[in-house]
Amino acid sequence: MNSISTASSTLKEIRPSADTSKEGKLREACAGFEALMLKQLLTSARESIPESGLLDGGYGEEIFQSLHDEQLARHMAASGGTGFGELLYSQLAPSANLRDNR
């Protein structure tokens, strides 16, 4: 199970519905979007830190940092994240006829 699927499964449990595959795909997309937003946040935060020049890892360090930020963002989204994925799901589900409007 990949971390985006894990993130989508951590979103709130919902009432059983006839269209669970559509619902699961929407939850997975919302969790993936939350992970993407968290990665952008981490990347922007990392870029705001001035480089000391003492250690310059070059291109390899950039790739490692990018991969690290991506995995960290996925882990954060899988453990509940900011709640943005659930909020997005609650906004999109009624228009997809997955949940009753509240």
N, C-alpha and C. Protein backbone atom coordinates (compact mmCIF):
# COMPACT_ATOMS: atom_id res chain seq x y z
N MET A 1 0.85 -1.17 0.00
CA MET A 1 0.00 0.00 0.00
C MET A 1 0.90 1.23 0.00
N ASN A 2 0.72 2.12 -0.97
CA ASN A 2 1.58 3.30 -1.02
C ASN A 2 1.11 4.33 -0.01
N SER A 3 1.94 5.35 0.20
CA SER A 3 1.64 6.30 1.26
C SER A 3 0.46 7.19 0.94
N ILE A 4 0.16 7.43 -0.34
CA ILE A 4 -1.03 8.21 -0.69
C ILE A 4 -2.28 7.42 -0.34
N SER A 5 -2.27 6.11 -0.62
CA SER A 5 -3.42 5.29 -0.24
C SER A 5 -3.57 5.25 1.28
N THR A 6 -2.44 5.20 1.97
CA THR A 6 -2.47 5.24 3.43
C THR A 6 -3.05 6.56 3.91
N ALA A 7 -2.66 7.64 3.25
CA ALA A 7 -3.18 8.95 3.63
C ALA A 7 -4.68 9.02 3.40
N SER A 8 -5.14 8.45 2.30
CA SER A 8 -6.58 8.51 2.02
C SER A 8 -7.35 7.64 3.00
N SER A 9 -6.75 6.58 3.50
CA SER A 9 -7.46 5.73 4.45
C SER A 9 -7.50 6.34 5.83
N THR A 10 -6.62 7.33 6.12
CA THR A 10 -6.65 7.97 7.42
C THR A 10 -7.70 9.06 7.49
N LEU A 11 -8.23 9.46 6.34
CA LEU A 11 -9.31 10.44 6.37
C LEU A 11 -10.50 9.81 7.06
N LYS A 12 -11.39 10.60 7.56
CA LYS A 12 -12.51 10.10 8.35
C LYS A 12 -13.25 8.98 7.65
N GLU A 13 -13.71 8.03 8.46
CA GLU A 13 -14.54 6.96 7.94
C GLU A 13 -15.90 7.54 7.59
N ILE A 14 -16.50 7.03 6.53
CA ILE A 14 -17.78 7.56 6.08
C ILE A 14 -18.81 6.46 6.07
N ARG A 15 -20.05 6.84 5.86
CA ARG A 15 -21.11 5.85 5.81
C ARG A 15 -20.93 4.99 4.57
N PRO A 16 -21.33 3.72 4.61
CA PRO A 16 -21.21 2.84 3.45
C PRO A 16 -22.03 3.40 2.29
N SER A 17 -21.48 3.33 1.10
CA SER A 17 -22.20 3.79 -0.07
C SER A 17 -22.05 2.79 -1.20
N ALA A 18 -22.93 2.90 -2.18
CA ALA A 18 -22.92 1.97 -3.30
C ALA A 18 -21.72 2.22 -4.20
N ASP A 19 -21.19 3.43 -4.18
CA ASP A 19 -20.12 3.77 -5.11
C ASP A 19 -18.81 3.96 -4.36
N THR A 20 -18.33 2.92 -3.71
CA THR A 20 -17.13 3.04 -2.88
C THR A 20 -15.86 3.22 -3.69
N SER A 21 -15.80 2.70 -4.90
CA SER A 21 -14.58 2.88 -5.69
C SER A 21 -14.42 4.34 -6.11
N LYS A 22 -15.53 4.98 -6.45
CA LYS A 22 -15.49 6.40 -6.81
C LYS A 22 -15.11 7.24 -5.58
N GLU A 23 -15.67 6.86 -4.45
CA GLU A 23 -15.37 7.56 -3.21
C GLU A 23 -13.89 7.37 -2.82
N GLY A 24 -13.40 6.15 -2.96
CA GLY A 24 -12.00 5.87 -2.64
C GLY A 24 -11.05 6.65 -3.52
N LYS A 25 -11.40 6.75 -4.78
CA LYS A 25 -10.55 7.52 -5.71
C LYS A 25 -10.54 9.00 -5.34
N LEU A 26 -11.71 9.51 -4.94
CA LEU A 26 -11.77 10.92 -4.53
C LEU A 26 -10.96 11.14 -3.26
N ARG A 27 -11.08 10.23 -2.28
CA ARG A 27 -10.30 10.34 -1.05
C ARG A 27 -8.80 10.28 -1.35
N GLU A 28 -8.40 9.37 -2.23
CA GLU A 28 -6.99 9.24 -2.59
C GLU A 28 -6.49 10.50 -3.28
N ALA A 29 -7.31 11.07 -4.16
CA ALA A 29 -6.92 12.31 -4.84
C ALA A 29 -6.79 13.47 -3.85
N CYS A 30 -7.71 13.56 -2.91
CA CYS A 30 -7.64 14.63 -1.90
C CYS A 30 -6.41 14.48 -1.02
N ALA A 31 -6.11 13.25 -0.62
CA ALA A 31 -4.92 13.01 0.20
C ALA A 31 -3.65 13.30 -0.60
N GLY A 32 -3.65 12.93 -1.87
CA GLY A 32 -2.49 13.21 -2.72
C GLY A 32 -2.28 14.70 -2.91
N PHE A 33 -3.39 15.43 -3.04
CA PHE A 33 -3.28 16.88 -3.19
C PHE A 33 -2.74 17.51 -1.91
N GLU A 34 -3.20 17.01 -0.76
CA GLU A 34 -2.67 17.51 0.51
C GLU A 34 -1.17 17.24 0.60
N ALA A 35 -0.74 16.06 0.19
CA ALA A 35 0.70 15.73 0.22
C ALA A 35 1.47 16.66 -0.72
N LEU A 36 0.91 16.95 -1.88
CA LEU A 36 1.56 17.86 -2.83
C LEU A 36 1.70 19.26 -2.24
N MET A 37 0.64 19.74 -1.59
CA MET A 37 0.71 21.06 -0.97
C MET A 37 1.73 21.10 0.17
N LEU A 38 1.78 20.03 0.97
CA LEU A 38 2.76 19.97 2.05
C LEU A 38 4.18 19.93 1.50
N LYS A 39 4.39 19.23 0.38
CA LYS A 39 5.73 19.19 -0.23
C LYS A 39 6.14 20.59 -0.68
N GLN A 40 5.21 21.32 -1.30
CA GLN A 40 5.52 22.69 -1.72
C GLN A 40 5.86 23.57 -0.53
N LEU A 41 5.13 23.38 0.55
CA LEU A 41 5.39 24.14 1.77
C LEU A 41 6.78 23.83 2.32
N LEU A 42 7.12 22.55 2.38
CA LEU A 42 8.45 22.15 2.88
C LEU A 42 9.57 22.67 1.98
N THR A 43 9.35 22.58 0.67
CA THR A 43 10.36 23.05 -0.28
C THR A 43 10.58 24.55 -0.14
N SER A 44 9.49 25.30 -0.04
CA SER A 44 9.60 26.76 0.12
C SER A 44 10.29 27.11 1.44
N ALA A 45 9.95 26.40 2.49
CA ALA A 45 10.59 26.66 3.79
C ALA A 45 12.08 26.37 3.72
N ARG A 46 12.45 25.28 3.05
CA ARG A 46 13.87 24.93 2.94
C ARG A 46 14.64 25.96 2.12
N GLU A 47 14.00 26.50 1.09
CA GLU A 47 14.67 27.50 0.24
C GLU A 47 14.86 28.82 0.98
N SER A 48 14.09 29.07 2.03
CA SER A 48 14.22 30.32 2.76
C SER A 48 15.41 30.32 3.71
N ILE A 49 16.01 29.15 3.95
CA ILE A 49 17.16 29.05 4.84
C ILE A 49 18.42 29.41 4.06
N PRO A 50 19.18 30.39 4.52
CA PRO A 50 20.41 30.75 3.79
C PRO A 50 21.45 29.63 3.86
N GLU A 51 22.16 29.45 2.75
CA GLU A 51 23.22 28.43 2.71
C GLU A 51 24.48 28.99 3.34
N SER A 52 25.15 28.15 4.11
CA SER A 52 26.37 28.61 4.78
C SER A 52 27.59 28.53 3.86
N GLY A 53 27.53 27.66 2.88
CA GLY A 53 28.66 27.50 1.98
C GLY A 53 29.71 26.53 2.51
N LEU A 54 29.55 26.10 3.76
CA LEU A 54 30.49 25.18 4.36
C LEU A 54 30.43 23.82 3.68
N LEU A 55 29.25 23.31 3.52
CA LEU A 55 29.06 22.04 2.84
C LEU A 55 28.16 22.26 1.64
N ASP A 56 28.68 21.95 0.47
CA ASP A 56 27.89 22.09 -0.74
C ASP A 56 27.75 20.72 -1.38
N GLY A 57 26.56 20.14 -1.27
CA GLY A 57 26.32 18.81 -1.81
C GLY A 57 26.07 18.80 -3.30
N GLY A 58 25.85 19.97 -3.88
CA GLY A 58 25.61 20.06 -5.31
C GLY A 58 24.28 19.46 -5.73
N TYR A 59 24.27 18.95 -6.95
CA TYR A 59 23.06 18.42 -7.54
C TYR A 59 22.54 17.20 -6.78
N GLY A 60 23.42 16.36 -6.30
CA GLY A 60 23.01 15.19 -5.53
C GLY A 60 22.26 15.56 -4.27
N GLU A 61 22.71 16.59 -3.60
CA GLU A 61 22.02 17.04 -2.39
C GLU A 61 20.64 17.58 -2.73
N GLU A 62 20.53 18.30 -3.84
CA GLU A 62 19.23 18.83 -4.27
C GLU A 62 18.24 17.69 -4.52
N ILE A 63 18.69 16.65 -5.19
CA ILE A 63 17.83 15.50 -5.46
C ILE A 63 17.43 14.83 -4.16
N PHE A 64 18.38 14.60 -3.28
CA PHE A 64 18.09 13.98 -2.00
C PHE A 64 17.09 14.81 -1.20
N GLN A 65 17.29 16.12 -1.13
CA GLN A 65 16.39 16.99 -0.38
C GLN A 65 14.98 16.95 -0.97
N SER A 66 14.89 16.92 -2.30
CA SER A 66 13.59 16.86 -2.96
C SER A 66 12.86 15.56 -2.63
N LEU A 67 13.59 14.44 -2.70
CA LEU A 67 13.00 13.15 -2.37
C LEU A 67 12.61 13.08 -0.89
N HIS A 68 13.46 13.64 -0.05
CA HIS A 68 13.18 13.66 1.39
C HIS A 68 11.92 14.49 1.67
N ASP A 69 11.81 15.66 1.05
CA ASP A 69 10.63 16.50 1.24
C ASP A 69 9.37 15.79 0.77
N GLU A 70 9.46 15.07 -0.35
CA GLU A 70 8.31 14.34 -0.88
C GLU A 70 7.85 13.25 0.08
N GLN A 71 8.80 12.46 0.58
CA GLN A 71 8.44 11.38 1.51
C GLN A 71 7.93 11.94 2.84
N LEU A 72 8.53 13.00 3.31
CA LEU A 72 8.07 13.64 4.54
C LEU A 72 6.65 14.16 4.38
N ALA A 73 6.36 14.78 3.24
CA ALA A 73 5.02 15.30 2.97
C ALA A 73 4.00 14.17 2.90
N ARG A 74 4.36 13.06 2.27
CA ARG A 74 3.45 11.92 2.20
C ARG A 74 3.19 11.35 3.59
N HIS A 75 4.23 11.27 4.39
CA HIS A 75 4.07 10.77 5.75
C HIS A 75 3.19 11.71 6.57
N MET A 76 3.40 13.01 6.42
CA MET A 76 2.58 13.98 7.14
C MET A 76 1.12 13.87 6.73
N ALA A 77 0.86 13.73 5.44
CA ALA A 77 -0.52 13.59 4.96
C ALA A 77 -1.14 12.29 5.45
N ALA A 78 -0.34 11.22 5.50
CA ALA A 78 -0.85 9.93 5.96
C ALA A 78 -1.19 9.94 7.44
N SER A 79 -0.52 10.78 8.20
CA SER A 79 -0.78 10.82 9.65
C SER A 79 -1.77 11.92 10.03
N GLY A 80 -2.54 12.37 9.08
CA GLY A 80 -3.55 13.37 9.38
C GLY A 80 -3.25 14.72 8.79
N GLY A 81 -2.00 15.01 8.59
CA GLY A 81 -1.60 16.25 7.96
C GLY A 81 -2.21 17.47 8.61
N THR A 82 -2.68 18.36 7.78
CA THR A 82 -3.26 19.61 8.25
C THR A 82 -4.78 19.56 8.27
N GLY A 83 -5.34 18.48 7.77
CA GLY A 83 -6.79 18.38 7.66
C GLY A 83 -7.30 18.94 6.35
N PHE A 84 -6.39 19.42 5.53
CA PHE A 84 -6.76 20.02 4.26
C PHE A 84 -7.39 18.98 3.32
N GLY A 85 -6.88 17.75 3.33
CA GLY A 85 -7.43 16.70 2.48
C GLY A 85 -8.87 16.38 2.84
N GLU A 86 -9.16 16.31 4.13
CA GLU A 86 -10.54 16.03 4.57
C GLU A 86 -11.45 17.20 4.23
N LEU A 87 -10.96 18.42 4.39
CA LEU A 87 -11.75 19.59 4.04
C LEU A 87 -12.06 19.61 2.54
N LEU A 88 -11.07 19.32 1.75
CA LEU A 88 -11.26 19.26 0.30
C LEU A 88 -12.26 18.17 -0.07
N TYR A 89 -12.14 17.01 0.58
CA TYR A 89 -13.08 15.91 0.32
C TYR A 89 -14.51 16.32 0.67
N SER A 90 -14.67 16.97 1.82
CA SER A 90 -16.03 17.37 2.24
C SER A 90 -16.63 18.39 1.29
N GLN A 91 -15.80 19.17 0.61
CA GLN A 91 -16.30 20.13 -0.36
C GLN A 91 -16.63 19.48 -1.71
N LEU A 92 -15.85 18.47 -2.09
CA LEU A 92 -16.03 17.84 -3.40
C LEU A 92 -17.04 16.70 -3.39
N ALA A 93 -17.20 16.02 -2.27
CA ALA A 93 -18.08 14.85 -2.20
C ALA A 93 -19.53 15.15 -2.56
N PRO A 94 -20.11 16.26 -2.07
CA PRO A 94 -21.51 16.52 -2.45
C PRO A 94 -21.70 16.71 -3.95
N SER A 95 -20.75 17.37 -4.60
CA SER A 95 -20.88 17.58 -6.04
C SER A 95 -20.67 16.28 -6.82
N ALA A 96 -20.00 15.31 -6.18
CA ALA A 96 -19.80 14.00 -6.82
C ALA A 96 -20.88 13.02 -6.37
N ASN A 97 -21.88 13.52 -5.62
CA ASN A 97 -22.98 12.68 -5.11
C ASN A 97 -22.49 11.53 -4.24
N LEU A 98 -21.51 11.80 -3.40
CA LEU A 98 -20.97 10.78 -2.51
C LEU A 98 -21.42 10.95 -1.08
N ARG A 99 -21.78 12.13 -0.70
CA ARG A 99 -22.15 12.41 0.69
C ARG A 99 -23.30 13.39 0.69
N ASP A 100 -24.16 13.26 1.67
CA ASP A 100 -25.27 14.21 1.80
C ASP A 100 -24.72 15.58 2.11
N ASN A 101 -25.35 16.61 1.56
CA ASN A 101 -24.94 17.99 1.85
C ASN A 101 -25.24 18.30 3.30
N ARG A 102 -24.34 18.99 3.96
CA ARG A 102 -24.53 19.35 5.37
C ARG A 102 -24.77 20.82 5.46
